[in-house]
Amino acid sequence: MKNSFARFAPIDLSNLSSYSDRISISQVIVFFGRMGITFTKTTIQNYVRVGVLPPLTEKRFYGKKHIVFLTLISFLREIYSLDEIKAIFALLGDVDDRLTLEIYNTYVSLYQKVQEEFKLTINYIEESTEQSHKNFPTLQSFVFALLISTIGTAAKASVLEICNEQ
């Protein structure tokens, strides 16, 4: 259970400012492929076409903002539809690459704090579940699954409510 967060750990984009503002789609695919994240050319182009990603910086090039958005999409697509992701991104409005990266870095800091709380919660569940019970691992897993499902459901409902208020 303790490694569940690792799958969704934010990607380190600290060196993104050194990247060109003229990134080809092939370079974008390679960038994410090195981190084990799969995007196809068609998928990325579809994200632009339907408005999940902002328009290209030039007819054929992607910018830093696209890298940040695709990074977030790689996590968000696990629980949100494209329309919901589009609504979440609409909350940003038209921000430049610098501010987009700053917002992402804030997200990473908050993620790390949540991850620490997550670890404390798992430890609490481990310590508070009756270990003498013959089904201890099953009970522990159930409590954890119930807690995370409740948090996830509440979080998604809250995000969609925020999007609808805008």
N, C-alpha and C. Protein backbone atom coordinates (compact mmCIF):
# COMPACT_ATOMS: atom_id res chain seq x y z
N MET A 1 0.82 -1.20 0.00
CA MET A 1 0.00 0.00 0.00
C MET A 1 0.86 1.27 0.00
N LYS A 2 1.98 1.24 0.68
CA LYS A 2 2.79 2.45 0.83
C LYS A 2 3.37 2.94 -0.49
N ASN A 3 3.45 2.08 -1.49
CA ASN A 3 4.03 2.49 -2.77
C ASN A 3 2.99 2.96 -3.77
N SER A 4 1.72 2.99 -3.37
CA SER A 4 0.66 3.39 -4.29
C SER A 4 0.88 4.79 -4.84
N PHE A 5 1.39 5.69 -4.00
CA PHE A 5 1.60 7.06 -4.43
C PHE A 5 2.72 7.17 -5.46
N ALA A 6 3.67 6.26 -5.45
CA ALA A 6 4.82 6.34 -6.35
C ALA A 6 4.37 6.33 -7.81
N ARG A 7 3.33 5.59 -8.12
CA ARG A 7 2.84 5.52 -9.50
C ARG A 7 2.39 6.88 -10.02
N PHE A 8 1.93 7.73 -9.13
CA PHE A 8 1.41 9.03 -9.53
C PHE A 8 2.30 10.19 -9.09
N ALA A 9 3.54 9.87 -8.76
CA ALA A 9 4.46 10.92 -8.32
C ALA A 9 4.67 11.93 -9.45
N PRO A 10 4.65 13.20 -9.11
CA PRO A 10 4.86 14.23 -10.14
C PRO A 10 6.21 14.07 -10.83
N ILE A 11 6.23 14.42 -12.07
CA ILE A 11 7.45 14.37 -12.87
C ILE A 11 8.27 15.62 -12.56
N ASP A 12 9.55 15.45 -12.41
CA ASP A 12 10.44 16.58 -12.14
C ASP A 12 10.61 17.40 -13.42
N LEU A 13 10.05 18.57 -13.43
CA LEU A 13 10.15 19.46 -14.58
C LEU A 13 11.05 20.66 -14.28
N SER A 14 11.92 20.52 -13.29
CA SER A 14 12.76 21.65 -12.88
C SER A 14 13.67 22.16 -14.00
N ASN A 15 14.03 21.31 -14.94
CA ASN A 15 14.89 21.76 -16.04
C ASN A 15 14.09 22.17 -17.28
N LEU A 16 12.79 22.26 -17.15
CA LEU A 16 11.95 22.60 -18.31
C LEU A 16 12.25 23.99 -18.85
N SER A 17 12.66 24.90 -17.99
CA SER A 17 12.94 26.26 -18.45
C SER A 17 14.09 26.28 -19.46
N SER A 18 14.93 25.25 -19.46
CA SER A 18 16.04 25.20 -20.43
C SER A 18 15.60 24.65 -21.79
N TYR A 19 14.38 24.16 -21.88
CA TYR A 19 13.87 23.62 -23.14
C TYR A 19 13.49 24.75 -24.10
N SER A 20 13.52 24.42 -25.35
CA SER A 20 13.10 25.34 -26.41
C SER A 20 11.59 25.53 -26.36
N ASP A 21 11.12 26.63 -26.92
CA ASP A 21 9.68 26.84 -27.06
C ASP A 21 9.16 26.25 -28.36
N ARG A 22 10.05 25.59 -29.07
CA ARG A 22 9.70 24.97 -30.35
C ARG A 22 10.01 23.48 -30.27
N ILE A 23 9.10 22.74 -29.63
CA ILE A 23 9.29 21.31 -29.41
C ILE A 23 8.40 20.57 -30.40
N SER A 24 8.99 19.67 -31.17
CA SER A 24 8.20 18.90 -32.14
C SER A 24 7.40 17.83 -31.42
N ILE A 25 6.37 17.33 -32.08
CA ILE A 25 5.55 16.29 -31.47
C ILE A 25 6.37 15.03 -31.20
N SER A 26 7.33 14.74 -32.07
CA SER A 26 8.21 13.58 -31.85
C SER A 26 9.03 13.76 -30.58
N GLN A 27 9.53 14.97 -30.35
CA GLN A 27 10.30 15.25 -29.14
C GLN A 27 9.42 15.13 -27.89
N VAL A 28 8.17 15.56 -28.00
CA VAL A 28 7.24 15.45 -26.88
C VAL A 28 7.03 13.97 -26.54
N ILE A 29 6.81 13.15 -27.55
CA ILE A 29 6.58 11.72 -27.34
C ILE A 29 7.80 11.06 -26.71
N VAL A 30 8.99 11.41 -27.17
CA VAL A 30 10.23 10.86 -26.61
C VAL A 30 10.41 11.33 -25.16
N PHE A 31 10.14 12.62 -24.91
CA PHE A 31 10.27 13.18 -23.55
C PHE A 31 9.46 12.35 -22.56
N PHE A 32 8.20 12.08 -22.89
CA PHE A 32 7.35 11.33 -21.98
C PHE A 32 7.69 9.84 -21.98
N GLY A 33 8.07 9.32 -23.12
CA GLY A 33 8.45 7.91 -23.21
C GLY A 33 9.59 7.56 -22.28
N ARG A 34 10.54 8.48 -22.11
CA ARG A 34 11.66 8.25 -21.19
C ARG A 34 11.21 8.08 -19.75
N MET A 35 10.02 8.58 -19.45
CA MET A 35 9.49 8.48 -18.09
C MET A 35 8.42 7.39 -17.98
N GLY A 36 8.27 6.63 -19.05
CA GLY A 36 7.30 5.54 -19.03
C GLY A 36 5.87 5.98 -19.25
N ILE A 37 5.69 7.18 -19.78
CA ILE A 37 4.34 7.70 -20.06
C ILE A 37 4.14 7.66 -21.56
N THR A 38 3.07 7.01 -21.98
CA THR A 38 2.81 6.85 -23.40
C THR A 38 1.78 7.84 -23.91
N PHE A 39 2.19 8.63 -24.86
CA PHE A 39 1.29 9.48 -25.62
C PHE A 39 1.58 9.18 -27.09
N THR A 40 0.53 9.07 -27.88
CA THR A 40 0.73 8.91 -29.32
C THR A 40 0.56 10.26 -29.99
N LYS A 41 1.05 10.35 -31.19
CA LYS A 41 0.90 11.58 -31.98
C LYS A 41 -0.59 11.92 -32.12
N THR A 42 -1.38 10.92 -32.43
CA THR A 42 -2.82 11.13 -32.62
C THR A 42 -3.49 11.62 -31.34
N THR A 43 -3.11 11.04 -30.21
CA THR A 43 -3.70 11.44 -28.92
C THR A 43 -3.39 12.90 -28.62
N ILE A 44 -2.12 13.29 -28.79
CA ILE A 44 -1.73 14.66 -28.50
C ILE A 44 -2.45 15.63 -29.44
N GLN A 45 -2.49 15.29 -30.72
CA GLN A 45 -3.17 16.16 -31.68
C GLN A 45 -4.67 16.26 -31.36
N ASN A 46 -5.25 15.17 -30.88
CA ASN A 46 -6.66 15.20 -30.49
C ASN A 46 -6.87 16.11 -29.28
N TYR A 47 -5.95 16.08 -28.32
CA TYR A 47 -6.06 16.96 -27.16
C TYR A 47 -6.07 18.43 -27.59
N VAL A 48 -5.28 18.77 -28.60
CA VAL A 48 -5.27 20.14 -29.12
C VAL A 48 -6.58 20.42 -29.85
N ARG A 49 -7.00 19.48 -30.69
CA ARG A 49 -8.21 19.66 -31.51
C ARG A 49 -9.45 19.90 -30.66
N VAL A 50 -9.59 19.14 -29.55
CA VAL A 50 -10.79 19.27 -28.72
C VAL A 50 -10.64 20.35 -27.65
N GLY A 51 -9.46 20.98 -27.56
CA GLY A 51 -9.28 22.10 -26.66
C GLY A 51 -8.80 21.74 -25.26
N VAL A 52 -8.37 20.50 -25.05
CA VAL A 52 -7.81 20.13 -23.75
C VAL A 52 -6.43 20.76 -23.62
N LEU A 53 -5.66 20.74 -24.69
CA LEU A 53 -4.38 21.43 -24.76
C LEU A 53 -4.57 22.75 -25.48
N PRO A 54 -3.81 23.76 -25.09
CA PRO A 54 -3.91 25.05 -25.80
C PRO A 54 -3.39 24.92 -27.24
N PRO A 55 -3.74 25.87 -28.09
CA PRO A 55 -3.25 25.84 -29.47
C PRO A 55 -1.72 25.82 -29.49
N LEU A 56 -1.16 25.30 -30.57
CA LEU A 56 0.29 25.22 -30.70
C LEU A 56 0.91 26.61 -30.76
N THR A 57 2.17 26.72 -30.33
CA THR A 57 2.86 28.01 -30.34
C THR A 57 3.07 28.48 -31.78
N GLU A 58 3.32 27.55 -32.64
CA GLU A 58 3.35 27.79 -34.08
C GLU A 58 2.59 26.62 -34.67
N LYS A 59 2.45 26.58 -35.96
CA LYS A 59 1.63 25.53 -36.56
C LYS A 59 2.07 24.12 -36.18
N ARG A 60 3.36 23.91 -35.97
CA ARG A 60 3.84 22.55 -35.75
C ARG A 60 4.55 22.34 -34.43
N PHE A 61 4.62 23.34 -33.59
CA PHE A 61 5.46 23.22 -32.40
C PHE A 61 4.68 23.35 -31.10
N TYR A 62 5.19 22.64 -30.11
CA TYR A 62 4.64 22.65 -28.76
C TYR A 62 5.58 23.44 -27.86
N GLY A 63 5.04 23.97 -26.78
CA GLY A 63 5.85 24.75 -25.85
C GLY A 63 5.88 24.11 -24.47
N LYS A 64 6.47 24.81 -23.55
CA LYS A 64 6.60 24.31 -22.18
C LYS A 64 5.23 24.09 -21.53
N LYS A 65 4.31 24.97 -21.85
CA LYS A 65 2.96 24.85 -21.29
C LYS A 65 2.34 23.51 -21.70
N HIS A 66 2.59 23.10 -22.94
CA HIS A 66 2.06 21.81 -23.41
C HIS A 66 2.66 20.65 -22.61
N ILE A 67 3.96 20.75 -22.30
CA ILE A 67 4.62 19.70 -21.52
C ILE A 67 3.99 19.62 -20.12
N VAL A 68 3.78 20.77 -19.50
CA VAL A 68 3.16 20.79 -18.16
C VAL A 68 1.74 20.20 -18.24
N PHE A 69 0.96 20.65 -19.21
CA PHE A 69 -0.42 20.16 -19.33
C PHE A 69 -0.43 18.65 -19.60
N LEU A 70 0.43 18.17 -20.48
CA LEU A 70 0.47 16.73 -20.75
C LEU A 70 0.90 15.94 -19.52
N THR A 71 1.80 16.51 -18.74
CA THR A 71 2.20 15.86 -17.49
C THR A 71 0.99 15.71 -16.58
N LEU A 72 0.21 16.77 -16.45
CA LEU A 72 -0.98 16.72 -15.60
C LEU A 72 -2.04 15.78 -16.18
N ILE A 73 -2.19 15.80 -17.50
CA ILE A 73 -3.15 14.90 -18.15
C ILE A 73 -2.80 13.45 -17.86
N SER A 74 -1.51 13.14 -17.82
CA SER A 74 -1.11 11.75 -17.58
C SER A 74 -1.63 11.23 -16.24
N PHE A 75 -1.85 12.11 -15.27
CA PHE A 75 -2.42 11.73 -13.98
C PHE A 75 -3.94 11.87 -13.98
N LEU A 76 -4.41 12.98 -14.50
CA LEU A 76 -5.84 13.28 -14.45
C LEU A 76 -6.68 12.30 -15.26
N ARG A 77 -6.14 11.78 -16.34
CA ARG A 77 -6.93 10.89 -17.21
C ARG A 77 -7.28 9.58 -16.53
N GLU A 78 -6.65 9.31 -15.38
CA GLU A 78 -6.98 8.11 -14.62
C GLU A 78 -8.38 8.19 -14.01
N ILE A 79 -8.85 9.42 -13.71
CA ILE A 79 -10.16 9.54 -13.04
C ILE A 79 -11.12 10.53 -13.70
N TYR A 80 -10.61 11.36 -14.61
CA TYR A 80 -11.47 12.36 -15.23
C TYR A 80 -11.61 12.11 -16.73
N SER A 81 -12.76 12.49 -17.26
CA SER A 81 -12.97 12.45 -18.71
C SER A 81 -12.23 13.64 -19.34
N LEU A 82 -12.09 13.63 -20.65
CA LEU A 82 -11.45 14.75 -21.34
C LEU A 82 -12.20 16.06 -21.10
N ASP A 83 -13.52 15.99 -21.12
CA ASP A 83 -14.31 17.21 -20.87
C ASP A 83 -14.06 17.75 -19.46
N GLU A 84 -13.92 16.85 -18.49
CA GLU A 84 -13.65 17.28 -17.12
C GLU A 84 -12.24 17.88 -17.01
N ILE A 85 -11.27 17.26 -17.68
CA ILE A 85 -9.91 17.80 -17.67
C ILE A 85 -9.89 19.18 -18.33
N LYS A 86 -10.61 19.31 -19.41
CA LYS A 86 -10.71 20.61 -20.11
C LYS A 86 -11.28 21.67 -19.16
N ALA A 87 -12.30 21.30 -18.39
CA ALA A 87 -12.90 22.24 -17.43
C ALA A 87 -11.91 22.61 -16.33
N ILE A 88 -11.12 21.65 -15.88
CA ILE A 88 -10.10 21.92 -14.85
C ILE A 88 -9.07 22.90 -15.40
N PHE A 89 -8.58 22.64 -16.61
CA PHE A 89 -7.58 23.52 -17.22
C PHE A 89 -8.15 24.91 -17.51
N ALA A 90 -9.44 24.99 -17.77
CA ALA A 90 -10.08 26.28 -18.05
C ALA A 90 -9.98 27.21 -16.84
N LEU A 91 -9.84 26.64 -15.65
CA LEU A 91 -9.69 27.45 -14.44
C LEU A 91 -8.44 28.31 -14.50
N LEU A 92 -7.43 27.86 -15.25
CA LEU A 92 -6.18 28.62 -15.38
C LEU A 92 -6.32 29.86 -16.24
N GLY A 93 -7.22 29.80 -17.18
CA GLY A 93 -7.31 30.90 -18.14
C GLY A 93 -6.10 30.88 -19.06
N ASP A 94 -5.74 32.02 -19.57
CA ASP A 94 -4.62 32.10 -20.51
C ASP A 94 -3.37 32.56 -19.75
N VAL A 95 -2.63 31.60 -19.21
CA VAL A 95 -1.41 31.93 -18.47
C VAL A 95 -0.20 31.59 -19.33
N ASP A 96 0.89 32.30 -19.08
CA ASP A 96 2.10 32.06 -19.86
C ASP A 96 2.87 30.84 -19.33
N ASP A 97 3.91 30.45 -20.06
CA ASP A 97 4.71 29.27 -19.69
C ASP A 97 5.29 29.39 -18.30
N ARG A 98 5.82 30.56 -17.95
CA ARG A 98 6.46 30.76 -16.66
C ARG A 98 5.48 30.51 -15.53
N LEU A 99 4.29 31.12 -15.63
CA LEU A 99 3.29 30.96 -14.58
C LEU A 99 2.77 29.52 -14.54
N THR A 100 2.63 28.91 -15.69
CA THR A 100 2.19 27.51 -15.75
C THR A 100 3.17 26.62 -15.00
N LEU A 101 4.46 26.84 -15.23
CA LEU A 101 5.48 26.05 -14.54
C LEU A 101 5.49 26.34 -13.04
N GLU A 102 5.27 27.59 -12.67
CA GLU A 102 5.20 27.96 -11.25
C GLU A 102 4.02 27.26 -10.57
N ILE A 103 2.90 27.22 -11.25
CA ILE A 103 1.71 26.55 -10.71
C ILE A 103 2.00 25.05 -10.56
N TYR A 104 2.65 24.48 -11.56
CA TYR A 104 3.01 23.06 -11.50
C TYR A 104 3.93 22.79 -10.30
N ASN A 105 4.92 23.63 -10.10
CA ASN A 105 5.84 23.45 -8.97
C ASN A 105 5.13 23.56 -7.63
N THR A 106 4.13 24.43 -7.55
CA THR A 106 3.31 24.53 -6.34
C THR A 106 2.54 23.23 -6.13
N TYR A 107 2.01 22.71 -7.22
CA TYR A 107 1.31 21.42 -7.16
C TYR A 107 2.24 20.32 -6.63
N VAL A 108 3.48 20.28 -7.12
CA VAL A 108 4.45 19.27 -6.68
C VAL A 108 4.70 19.39 -5.17
N SER A 109 4.86 20.62 -4.68
CA SER A 109 5.07 20.83 -3.24
C SER A 109 3.88 20.34 -2.43
N LEU A 110 2.69 20.67 -2.88
CA LEU A 110 1.48 20.22 -2.18
C LEU A 110 1.34 18.71 -2.24
N TYR A 111 1.67 18.13 -3.38
CA TYR A 111 1.63 16.68 -3.55
C TYR A 111 2.52 16.00 -2.51
N GLN A 112 3.73 16.54 -2.33
CA GLN A 112 4.67 15.96 -1.38
C GLN A 112 4.12 16.01 0.04
N LYS A 113 3.43 17.08 0.38
CA LYS A 113 2.81 17.19 1.71
C LYS A 113 1.69 16.16 1.87
N VAL A 114 0.87 16.01 0.83
CA VAL A 114 -0.22 15.04 0.86
C VAL A 114 0.35 13.62 0.96
N GLN A 115 1.43 13.36 0.27
CA GLN A 115 2.07 12.05 0.33
C GLN A 115 2.53 11.72 1.75
N GLU A 116 3.07 12.70 2.45
CA GLU A 116 3.49 12.49 3.83
C GLU A 116 2.28 12.18 4.72
N GLU A 117 1.19 12.90 4.52
CA GLU A 117 -0.04 12.64 5.27
C GLU A 117 -0.58 11.25 4.95
N PHE A 118 -0.48 10.86 3.71
CA PHE A 118 -0.91 9.54 3.24
C PHE A 118 -0.12 8.46 3.99
N LYS A 119 1.18 8.63 4.09
CA LYS A 119 2.01 7.66 4.81
C LYS A 119 1.62 7.57 6.28
N LEU A 120 1.35 8.72 6.88
CA LEU A 120 0.92 8.73 8.29
C LEU A 120 -0.42 8.02 8.46
N THR A 121 -1.30 8.20 7.50
CA THR A 121 -2.61 7.54 7.55
C THR A 121 -2.45 6.03 7.44
N ILE A 122 -1.60 5.57 6.55
CA ILE A 122 -1.36 4.13 6.42
C ILE A 122 -0.79 3.58 7.73
N ASN A 123 0.16 4.29 8.31
CA ASN A 123 0.72 3.84 9.59
C ASN A 123 -0.36 3.77 10.66
N TYR A 124 -1.24 4.76 10.68
CA TYR A 124 -2.33 4.77 11.66
C TYR A 124 -3.24 3.56 11.46
N ILE A 125 -3.58 3.28 10.20
CA ILE A 125 -4.44 2.12 9.91
C ILE A 125 -3.75 0.84 10.36
N GLU A 126 -2.46 0.73 10.07
CA GLU A 126 -1.70 -0.47 10.47
C GLU A 126 -1.68 -0.63 11.99
N GLU A 127 -1.52 0.46 12.68
CA GLU A 127 -1.42 0.41 14.14
C GLU A 127 -2.77 0.21 14.82
N SER A 128 -3.83 0.74 14.21
CA SER A 128 -5.13 0.71 14.88
C SER A 128 -5.99 -0.50 14.52
N THR A 129 -5.64 -1.22 13.48
CA THR A 129 -6.42 -2.40 13.11
C THR A 129 -6.03 -3.55 14.03
N GLU A 130 -7.01 -4.27 14.46
CA GLU A 130 -6.78 -5.39 15.40
C GLU A 130 -5.92 -6.45 14.73
N GLN A 131 -4.64 -6.49 15.12
CA GLN A 131 -3.69 -7.40 14.49
C GLN A 131 -3.89 -8.85 14.90
N SER A 132 -4.57 -9.08 15.98
CA SER A 132 -4.78 -10.45 16.43
C SER A 132 -5.89 -11.15 15.64
N HIS A 133 -6.67 -10.39 14.92
CA HIS A 133 -7.76 -10.98 14.14
C HIS A 133 -7.17 -11.82 13.01
N LYS A 134 -7.79 -12.96 12.73
CA LYS A 134 -7.24 -13.86 11.71
C LYS A 134 -7.24 -13.25 10.31
N ASN A 135 -8.12 -12.29 10.06
CA ASN A 135 -8.18 -11.65 8.74
C ASN A 135 -7.56 -10.25 8.75
N PHE A 136 -6.55 -10.06 9.58
CA PHE A 136 -5.92 -8.74 9.73
C PHE A 136 -5.56 -8.09 8.38
N PRO A 137 -4.82 -8.77 7.49
CA PRO A 137 -4.46 -8.10 6.22
C PRO A 137 -5.69 -7.69 5.41
N THR A 138 -6.71 -8.53 5.42
CA THR A 138 -7.93 -8.23 4.67
C THR A 138 -8.66 -7.04 5.29
N LEU A 139 -8.77 -7.02 6.61
CA LEU A 139 -9.43 -5.90 7.29
C LEU A 139 -8.68 -4.59 7.05
N GLN A 140 -7.38 -4.67 7.14
CA GLN A 140 -6.54 -3.49 6.92
C GLN A 140 -6.72 -2.97 5.50
N SER A 141 -6.71 -3.87 4.53
CA SER A 141 -6.89 -3.47 3.14
C SER A 141 -8.27 -2.87 2.90
N PHE A 142 -9.29 -3.46 3.54
CA PHE A 142 -10.65 -2.95 3.39
C PHE A 142 -10.75 -1.53 3.92
N VAL A 143 -10.24 -1.30 5.11
CA VAL A 143 -10.31 0.04 5.72
C VAL A 143 -9.58 1.04 4.82
N PHE A 144 -8.42 0.67 4.34
CA PHE A 144 -7.65 1.55 3.48
C PHE A 144 -8.41 1.84 2.17
N ALA A 145 -8.94 0.80 1.53
CA ALA A 145 -9.68 0.97 0.27
C ALA A 145 -10.91 1.84 0.48
N LEU A 146 -11.62 1.63 1.56
CA LEU A 146 -12.81 2.43 1.86
C LEU A 146 -12.44 3.90 2.06
N LEU A 147 -11.38 4.14 2.83
CA LEU A 147 -10.93 5.50 3.08
C LEU A 147 -10.53 6.21 1.79
N ILE A 148 -9.70 5.57 0.99
CA ILE A 148 -9.22 6.19 -0.24
C ILE A 148 -10.37 6.40 -1.23
N SER A 149 -11.28 5.44 -1.31
CA SER A 149 -12.44 5.60 -2.21
C SER A 149 -13.29 6.78 -1.80
N THR A 150 -13.50 6.93 -0.51
CA THR A 150 -14.30 8.05 0.00
C THR A 150 -13.61 9.38 -0.29
N ILE A 151 -12.31 9.44 -0.04
CA ILE A 151 -11.55 10.66 -0.32
C ILE A 151 -11.58 10.96 -1.81
N GLY A 152 -11.36 9.94 -2.64
CA GLY A 152 -11.37 10.13 -4.09
C GLY A 152 -12.71 10.62 -4.61
N THR A 153 -13.77 10.03 -4.12
CA THR A 153 -15.11 10.43 -4.54
C THR A 153 -15.41 11.86 -4.13
N ALA A 154 -15.07 12.20 -2.90
CA ALA A 154 -15.30 13.56 -2.42
C ALA A 154 -14.44 14.56 -3.18
N ALA A 155 -13.19 14.18 -3.45
CA ALA A 155 -12.29 15.08 -4.18
C ALA A 155 -12.80 15.34 -5.59
N LYS A 156 -13.21 14.29 -6.29
CA LYS A 156 -13.71 14.47 -7.65
C LYS A 156 -14.97 15.34 -7.65
N ALA A 157 -15.87 15.09 -6.74
CA ALA A 157 -17.08 15.89 -6.65
C ALA A 157 -16.74 17.36 -6.38
N SER A 158 -15.77 17.59 -5.51
CA SER A 158 -15.36 18.97 -5.20
C SER A 158 -14.75 19.66 -6.41
N VAL A 159 -13.90 18.94 -7.13
CA VAL A 159 -13.26 19.52 -8.33
C VAL A 159 -14.32 19.88 -9.36
N LEU A 160 -15.25 19.00 -9.60
CA LEU A 160 -16.30 19.28 -10.60
C LEU A 160 -17.20 20.43 -10.16
N GLU A 161 -17.43 20.53 -8.86
CA GLU A 161 -18.22 21.66 -8.33
C GLU A 161 -17.49 22.96 -8.55
N ILE A 162 -16.19 22.98 -8.30
CA ILE A 162 -15.37 24.20 -8.55
C ILE A 162 -15.43 24.57 -10.02
N CYS A 163 -15.29 23.60 -10.90
CA CYS A 163 -15.33 23.86 -12.34
C CYS A 163 -16.68 24.42 -12.77
N ASN A 164 -17.76 23.90 -12.20
CA ASN A 164 -19.10 24.35 -12.55
C ASN A 164 -19.40 25.75 -12.04
N GLU A 165 -18.70 26.17 -10.97
CA GLU A 165 -18.93 27.50 -10.42
C GLU A 165 -18.30 28.59 -11.28
N GLN A 166 -17.33 28.25 -12.09
CA GLN A 166 -16.60 29.24 -12.88
C GLN A 166 -17.36 29.67 -14.10
